[in-house]
Structures are given as structure tokens and as C-alpha cells.
Amino acid sequence: MDTNHEPTINLYRRARDLKGIKKILIASGVRYDIAVEDPRYIKELATHHVGGYLKIAPEHTEEGPLSKMMKPGMGSYDRFKELFDTYSKQVGKEQYLIPYFISAHPGTRDEDMVNLALWLKKHRFRLDQVQNFYPSPLANSTTMYYTGKNPLAKIGYKSEDVFVPKGDKQRRLHKALLRYHDPANWPLIRQALEAMGKKHLIGSRRDCLVPAPTIEEMREARRQNRNTRPALTKHTPMAT
């Protein structure tokens, strides 16, 4: 693949020279994994074409889902961020990257989402708008969703199955982990962490993902349990 960005750089410069053009800003759509192959482009972008924030899409941090998306590892993101921050600082601009992530994509296990949530917390990202994967026509990911197979590789009876997160509860969990900081999501996340044997991630330490439940939360949970009645079946003895 030709990763020479010189034609694009020249196009940007010609556009800036047009009469009546004061500023051309790019907010998203940058293939950061290709841009890192030509730092000149990142310098041009950071110097002239970012209005404070630039959205890019690493999509995930873990190899499982990334391999199904044909996306690079986080090394490309880290390199792009390093260059972007350096060139922004050189021209005295305070500019930030806003990474975009997706949950419940084929190939994503619960552990992958926990690791992504830990990465977000470590880097102090608190996502407001998040998106669960939704199968759409003419997409490889949709084929994976419905067949559990990877069309990017040769498919046979021995081919590896693709894990697909399905069901309302699991999809809600994956989306909740993207918003680990929202108190409304903590009960669901705690329940999942305990089931995964990751109870050590619940607490007040810096390496914890969510805080432990408060006394009031525990009281409310007990009240709800007391108010829950088991469903009657033909095997349930009736009180006399």
C-alpha cells in the first residue's frame, strides 16, 4: 500500500490558499494507522486543520475483536497520539484526540470489554455516547453475527467459530462497560465481575473498575429480594 501522503498535503495547502477560505477543519475520518507511516501528514493536520478535537476510531483495545474488524492494535493509536501531541505542542495548540469504541462486536468476550473499560479508566476517558454493534447489510461483521463464522478466512467444517455476544443481558453489559463511570451501570458490572472471578476489580483502589456497593445500595437490594416471590409451579407446595 502506498502510504505517501504528499498529494493529500498539497491538496490541503492549495485549499487553504483559495480566496475567501479562512480555515479548513477536519473533525474525523482520519486513518490514523496509515497516517503514522507519514508523520508529515500528522504535522500538517495538527498545525492547520484541527479545531481542538479530532475523533479517531481504534474501535477496541483487544486482539479478539480487532482481528475481526481488520483493525490494527493499539500500538498504532499510541504512535499517532504521540506524534499528534508533539506537533500540536510545537505550534502552541491545546488539542485532543477523542477515540471511538464499539461494544458487542463479533469476537468480543466479556473479558475483552473489561480490559477495554480498564484502559478507558487508566487514560481517564469517560464516554458519553456509546454504541453497541448492530448487524447491517453487506458487512463482514453481519455475516459473523448470524453464522458464527469468519468470512475473512477459509470456511470449512473445521474452521474456528467466532464468539458472538448476543442476548439482551450480555449486550447491555458490554455497553455498560463502555460507561463504567455511570453509577447506573455499577450493579450490572459488579455482578459480571463477580461471575468472572474478578471481584478484585470492585473497590476503591486505583486499579479497581467500579466502587463497592454502598450500605444504602445493599439495603435496597435486600428490600427488593424480600419483595420478590417465587413463581408457583405444579411442584411448589401450597400453604394450608
Foldseek 3Di string as FASTA:
>chain_A
DDLDCVVVLVVVVVVCPDPPDDAAAAAEDDPLLSCLVPLVVLLSNLQGHHPAEHEYEQQFADPQLCVLVVHDHCVSVVSSQVSNVVSNVVNPHRHYYDYAYEFQFWRDDLVRLLVRLLVCLVVVHADDDYYYDDQDPPDQSNVCQVPQARPVDDDDPPGDGIHGDDDPLRSVLSRVSSRLVDPVSVVSVCVVCVVVVNNVLEDDDSSHSYYDDDPVVVVVVVVVVVVDDDDDDPPDDDDD
